[in-house]
Amino acid sequence: GDQVLANTILRMRDIMLHYEFHSAVADGDIGRAMNVMAVWTFTFCRCGKSKYTNELLELACNFEYKYSDELKQAVLNDWLCNLTGHKGRWFPMDLMMEHNINLLK
């Protein structure tokens, strides 16, 4: 087969997933972002990134089997923030924390 074509198709798929993830975060849609992370779990597993794989699997299992409904809702509500109140301006809460830490240094 055509290996270059196969690699190009895989690269395009990965780019679309990355774009979908960033669009979901910007829109404040954590459900869409989690769907992409589910796909990424297998991608990380396939390429030998065991720490990322373990973190995403643990998160998925906690949501499915361990977290109460209240805890699930709390985690989902605190994952993203929008300080401007404008549409499409959401970003991850941990990124905001990193930004604040850099401002303090």
N, C-alpha and C. Protein backbone atom coordinates (compact mmCIF):
# COMPACT_ATOMS: atom_id res chain seq x y z
N GLY A 1 0.80 -1.19 0.00
CA GLY A 1 0.00 0.00 0.00
C GLY A 1 0.85 1.25 0.00
N ASP A 2 0.19 2.35 -0.08
CA ASP A 2 0.82 3.65 -0.10
C ASP A 2 1.01 4.15 1.33
N GLN A 3 2.22 4.01 1.86
CA GLN A 3 2.51 4.37 3.25
C GLN A 3 2.42 5.88 3.47
N VAL A 4 2.83 6.66 2.49
CA VAL A 4 2.75 8.11 2.62
C VAL A 4 1.29 8.55 2.75
N LEU A 5 0.41 7.99 1.92
CA LEU A 5 -1.01 8.31 1.99
C LEU A 5 -1.59 7.91 3.35
N ALA A 6 -1.25 6.72 3.83
CA ALA A 6 -1.75 6.25 5.12
C ALA A 6 -1.30 7.18 6.24
N ASN A 7 -0.04 7.58 6.23
CA ASN A 7 0.46 8.48 7.26
C ASN A 7 -0.20 9.86 7.17
N THR A 8 -0.46 10.32 5.96
CA THR A 8 -1.12 11.61 5.78
C THR A 8 -2.54 11.57 6.33
N ILE A 9 -3.25 10.48 6.09
CA ILE A 9 -4.62 10.33 6.60
C ILE A 9 -4.61 10.30 8.13
N LEU A 10 -3.67 9.57 8.72
CA LEU A 10 -3.58 9.52 10.18
C LEU A 10 -3.25 10.89 10.76
N ARG A 11 -2.35 11.60 10.09
CA ARG A 11 -1.98 12.95 10.56
C ARG A 11 -3.19 13.89 10.50
N MET A 12 -3.95 13.81 9.42
CA MET A 12 -5.14 14.65 9.29
C MET A 12 -6.16 14.32 10.38
N ARG A 13 -6.31 13.03 10.69
CA ARG A 13 -7.22 12.62 11.77
C ARG A 13 -6.77 13.22 13.10
N ASP A 14 -5.47 13.14 13.37
CA ASP A 14 -4.95 13.68 14.62
C ASP A 14 -5.14 15.20 14.71
N ILE A 15 -4.94 15.88 13.60
CA ILE A 15 -5.14 17.33 13.57
C ILE A 15 -6.60 17.68 13.83
N MET A 16 -7.51 16.92 13.23
CA MET A 16 -8.93 17.19 13.44
C MET A 16 -9.33 16.95 14.90
N LEU A 17 -8.78 15.91 15.52
CA LEU A 17 -9.06 15.66 16.94
C LEU A 17 -8.52 16.81 17.80
N HIS A 18 -7.33 17.26 17.49
CA HIS A 18 -6.73 18.37 18.23
C HIS A 18 -7.59 19.64 18.08
N TYR A 19 -8.04 19.91 16.87
CA TYR A 19 -8.89 21.07 16.62
C TYR A 19 -10.22 20.92 17.35
N GLU A 20 -10.80 19.73 17.33
CA GLU A 20 -12.07 19.49 18.04
C GLU A 20 -11.90 19.72 19.54
N PHE A 21 -10.79 19.26 20.10
CA PHE A 21 -10.53 19.44 21.52
C PHE A 21 -10.46 20.93 21.87
N HIS A 22 -9.66 21.67 21.10
CA HIS A 22 -9.51 23.09 21.39
C HIS A 22 -10.81 23.86 21.16
N SER A 23 -11.57 23.47 20.17
CA SER A 23 -12.87 24.11 19.93
C SER A 23 -13.83 23.82 21.08
N ALA A 24 -13.83 22.57 21.56
CA ALA A 24 -14.71 22.20 22.67
C ALA A 24 -14.36 22.99 23.92
N VAL A 25 -13.06 23.12 24.21
CA VAL A 25 -12.64 23.89 25.38
C VAL A 25 -13.05 25.35 25.22
N ALA A 26 -12.79 25.94 24.06
CA ALA A 26 -13.14 27.35 23.83
C ALA A 26 -14.65 27.57 23.95
N ASP A 27 -15.45 26.58 23.57
CA ASP A 27 -16.91 26.69 23.67
C ASP A 27 -17.42 26.36 25.06
N GLY A 28 -16.54 25.85 25.94
CA GLY A 28 -16.96 25.47 27.28
C GLY A 28 -17.71 24.15 27.33
N ASP A 29 -17.52 23.32 26.32
CA ASP A 29 -18.23 22.05 26.22
C ASP A 29 -17.32 20.91 26.68
N ILE A 30 -17.33 20.64 27.98
CA ILE A 30 -16.44 19.63 28.54
C ILE A 30 -16.80 18.23 28.07
N GLY A 31 -18.05 17.98 27.72
CA GLY A 31 -18.45 16.67 27.20
C GLY A 31 -17.74 16.34 25.90
N ARG A 32 -17.70 17.31 24.98
CA ARG A 32 -16.96 17.10 23.72
C ARG A 32 -15.48 16.90 23.99
N ALA A 33 -14.93 17.65 24.91
CA ALA A 33 -13.50 17.51 25.24
C ALA A 33 -13.22 16.12 25.81
N MET A 34 -14.12 15.63 26.65
CA MET A 34 -13.92 14.29 27.22
C MET A 34 -14.04 13.20 26.16
N ASN A 35 -14.89 13.40 25.16
CA ASN A 35 -14.97 12.44 24.05
C ASN A 35 -13.65 12.35 23.31
N VAL A 36 -13.01 13.48 23.09
CA VAL A 36 -11.70 13.47 22.43
C VAL A 36 -10.67 12.79 23.32
N MET A 37 -10.73 13.06 24.62
CA MET A 37 -9.77 12.43 25.54
C MET A 37 -9.94 10.92 25.55
N ALA A 38 -11.15 10.43 25.33
CA ALA A 38 -11.36 8.98 25.26
C ALA A 38 -10.61 8.40 24.07
N VAL A 39 -10.63 9.08 22.95
CA VAL A 39 -9.87 8.63 21.77
C VAL A 39 -8.38 8.74 22.04
N TRP A 40 -7.97 9.83 22.66
CA TRP A 40 -6.55 10.03 22.96
C TRP A 40 -6.00 8.96 23.89
N THR A 41 -6.84 8.41 24.76
CA THR A 41 -6.38 7.35 25.65
C THR A 41 -5.77 6.21 24.85
N PHE A 42 -6.45 5.80 23.79
CA PHE A 42 -5.94 4.70 22.96
C PHE A 42 -4.76 5.14 22.13
N THR A 43 -4.75 6.39 21.71
CA THR A 43 -3.61 6.91 20.95
C THR A 43 -2.36 6.91 21.81
N PHE A 44 -2.47 7.38 23.05
CA PHE A 44 -1.32 7.39 23.95
C PHE A 44 -0.86 5.97 24.26
N CYS A 45 -1.80 5.07 24.43
CA CYS A 45 -1.46 3.67 24.70
C CYS A 45 -0.67 3.07 23.54
N ARG A 46 -1.13 3.36 22.33
CA ARG A 46 -0.49 2.82 21.13
C ARG A 46 0.94 3.34 20.95
N CYS A 47 1.20 4.56 21.37
CA CYS A 47 2.54 5.12 21.13
C CYS A 47 3.43 5.03 22.37
N GLY A 48 3.00 4.29 23.38
CA GLY A 48 3.85 4.01 24.52
C GLY A 48 3.89 5.09 25.59
N LYS A 49 2.95 6.00 25.59
CA LYS A 49 2.89 7.05 26.61
C LYS A 49 2.06 6.57 27.79
N SER A 50 2.66 5.71 28.61
CA SER A 50 1.90 5.02 29.65
C SER A 50 1.39 5.96 30.74
N LYS A 51 2.12 7.02 31.05
CA LYS A 51 1.66 7.93 32.10
C LYS A 51 0.39 8.67 31.67
N TYR A 52 0.36 9.16 30.43
CA TYR A 52 -0.84 9.81 29.92
C TYR A 52 -2.00 8.81 29.84
N THR A 53 -1.69 7.61 29.37
CA THR A 53 -2.72 6.57 29.28
C THR A 53 -3.32 6.28 30.65
N ASN A 54 -2.46 6.10 31.65
CA ASN A 54 -2.94 5.80 33.00
C ASN A 54 -3.78 6.93 33.57
N GLU A 55 -3.36 8.17 33.36
CA GLU A 55 -4.13 9.30 33.88
C GLU A 55 -5.52 9.38 33.25
N LEU A 56 -5.58 9.21 31.93
CA LEU A 56 -6.88 9.28 31.25
C LEU A 56 -7.76 8.09 31.60
N LEU A 57 -7.17 6.92 31.72
CA LEU A 57 -7.96 5.75 32.14
C LEU A 57 -8.49 5.91 33.56
N GLU A 58 -7.65 6.42 34.45
CA GLU A 58 -8.08 6.63 35.83
C GLU A 58 -9.22 7.64 35.88
N LEU A 59 -9.10 8.71 35.11
CA LEU A 59 -10.16 9.71 35.07
C LEU A 59 -11.47 9.10 34.56
N ALA A 60 -11.40 8.35 33.48
CA ALA A 60 -12.60 7.72 32.91
C ALA A 60 -13.23 6.73 33.89
N CYS A 61 -12.40 5.92 34.53
CA CYS A 61 -12.93 4.94 35.49
C CYS A 61 -13.53 5.63 36.71
N ASN A 62 -12.89 6.70 37.18
CA ASN A 62 -13.45 7.44 38.31
C ASN A 62 -14.82 8.00 37.96
N PHE A 63 -14.96 8.57 36.77
CA PHE A 63 -16.24 9.12 36.36
C PHE A 63 -17.29 8.02 36.21
N GLU A 64 -16.87 6.87 35.71
CA GLU A 64 -17.83 5.80 35.44
C GLU A 64 -18.22 5.03 36.71
N TYR A 65 -17.25 4.78 37.61
CA TYR A 65 -17.51 3.84 38.70
C TYR A 65 -17.35 4.41 40.11
N LYS A 66 -16.54 5.45 40.28
CA LYS A 66 -16.17 5.86 41.62
C LYS A 66 -16.86 7.14 42.09
N TYR A 67 -16.90 8.16 41.24
CA TYR A 67 -17.43 9.46 41.65
C TYR A 67 -18.94 9.42 41.85
N SER A 68 -19.37 10.11 42.89
CA SER A 68 -20.82 10.31 43.08
C SER A 68 -21.30 11.33 42.04
N ASP A 69 -22.60 11.42 41.87
CA ASP A 69 -23.14 12.38 40.92
C ASP A 69 -22.75 13.81 41.28
N GLU A 70 -22.73 14.10 42.57
CA GLU A 70 -22.36 15.44 43.03
C GLU A 70 -20.89 15.75 42.70
N LEU A 71 -20.01 14.76 42.92
CA LEU A 71 -18.60 14.97 42.64
C LEU A 71 -18.36 15.11 41.13
N LYS A 72 -19.04 14.29 40.34
CA LYS A 72 -18.93 14.42 38.88
C LYS A 72 -19.29 15.82 38.44
N GLN A 73 -20.41 16.32 38.96
CA GLN A 73 -20.86 17.66 38.57
C GLN A 73 -19.88 18.73 39.03
N ALA A 74 -19.31 18.57 40.22
CA ALA A 74 -18.34 19.53 40.73
C ALA A 74 -17.08 19.56 39.87
N VAL A 75 -16.59 18.39 39.49
CA VAL A 75 -15.40 18.32 38.64
C VAL A 75 -15.68 18.95 37.28
N LEU A 76 -16.81 18.61 36.69
CA LEU A 76 -17.16 19.16 35.38
C LEU A 76 -17.34 20.67 35.43
N ASN A 77 -17.94 21.17 36.50
CA ASN A 77 -18.17 22.62 36.64
C ASN A 77 -16.89 23.40 36.87
N ASP A 78 -15.87 22.76 37.45
CA ASP A 78 -14.63 23.46 37.77
C ASP A 78 -13.49 23.19 36.80
N TRP A 79 -13.75 22.52 35.71
CA TRP A 79 -12.70 22.17 34.77
C TRP A 79 -12.31 23.35 33.89
N LEU A 80 -13.30 24.13 33.49
CA LEU A 80 -13.08 25.25 32.58
C LEU A 80 -13.56 26.54 33.22
N CYS A 81 -13.00 27.65 32.78
CA CYS A 81 -13.46 28.95 33.28
C CYS A 81 -13.50 29.95 32.13
N ASN A 82 -14.35 30.95 32.30
CA ASN A 82 -14.50 32.00 31.31
C ASN A 82 -14.57 33.32 32.07
N LEU A 83 -13.45 34.00 32.16
CA LEU A 83 -13.39 35.23 32.95
C LEU A 83 -14.02 36.42 32.23
N THR A 84 -14.15 36.33 30.92
CA THR A 84 -14.68 37.46 30.15
C THR A 84 -16.19 37.42 30.03
N GLY A 85 -16.77 36.23 30.09
CA GLY A 85 -18.19 36.09 29.87
C GLY A 85 -18.59 36.07 28.40
N HIS A 86 -17.61 36.16 27.52
CA HIS A 86 -17.87 36.14 26.09
C HIS A 86 -17.87 34.71 25.55
N LYS A 87 -18.67 34.49 24.55
CA LYS A 87 -18.75 33.17 23.90
C LYS A 87 -17.40 32.82 23.26
N GLY A 88 -17.00 31.57 23.41
CA GLY A 88 -15.76 31.09 22.79
C GLY A 88 -14.49 31.50 23.51
N ARG A 89 -14.61 31.92 24.77
CA ARG A 89 -13.44 32.40 25.52
C ARG A 89 -13.16 31.55 26.76
N TRP A 90 -13.59 30.29 26.74
CA TRP A 90 -13.32 29.39 27.86
C TRP A 90 -11.89 28.86 27.76
N PHE A 91 -11.30 28.53 28.91
CA PHE A 91 -9.99 27.89 28.92
C PHE A 91 -9.87 27.04 30.17
N PRO A 92 -8.92 26.10 30.16
CA PRO A 92 -8.79 25.18 31.30
C PRO A 92 -8.39 25.92 32.57
N MET A 93 -8.99 25.51 33.68
CA MET A 93 -8.71 26.14 34.96
C MET A 93 -7.24 26.00 35.34
N ASP A 94 -6.61 24.87 35.04
CA ASP A 94 -5.20 24.69 35.41
C ASP A 94 -4.31 25.66 34.64
N LEU A 95 -4.70 26.02 33.43
CA LEU A 95 -3.94 27.01 32.66
C LEU A 95 -4.03 28.37 33.32
N MET A 96 -5.18 28.72 33.85
CA MET A 96 -5.34 29.98 34.56
C MET A 96 -4.46 29.99 35.82
N MET A 97 -4.41 28.86 36.52
CA MET A 97 -3.57 28.77 37.72
C MET A 97 -2.10 28.93 37.37
N GLU A 98 -1.66 28.29 36.28
CA GLU A 98 -0.27 28.44 35.84
C GLU A 98 0.04 29.90 35.49
N HIS A 99 -0.90 30.56 34.83
CA HIS A 99 -0.73 31.97 34.48
C HIS A 99 -0.59 32.82 35.75
N ASN A 100 -1.44 32.57 36.73
CA ASN A 100 -1.37 33.32 37.99
C ASN A 100 -0.06 33.07 38.73
N ILE A 101 0.41 31.84 38.72
CA ILE A 101 1.68 31.53 39.38
C ILE A 101 2.82 32.27 38.70
N ASN A 102 2.80 32.32 37.38
CA ASN A 102 3.85 33.06 36.65
C ASN A 102 3.80 34.54 36.96
N LEU A 103 2.60 35.10 37.16
CA LEU A 103 2.48 36.51 37.50
C LEU A 103 3.06 36.80 38.89
N LEU A 104 2.96 35.82 39.79
CA LEU A 104 3.47 36.01 41.14
C LEU A 104 4.99 35.93 41.22
N LYS A 105 5.61 35.30 40.26
CA LYS A 105 7.08 35.11 40.29
C LYS A 105 7.81 36.38 39.93
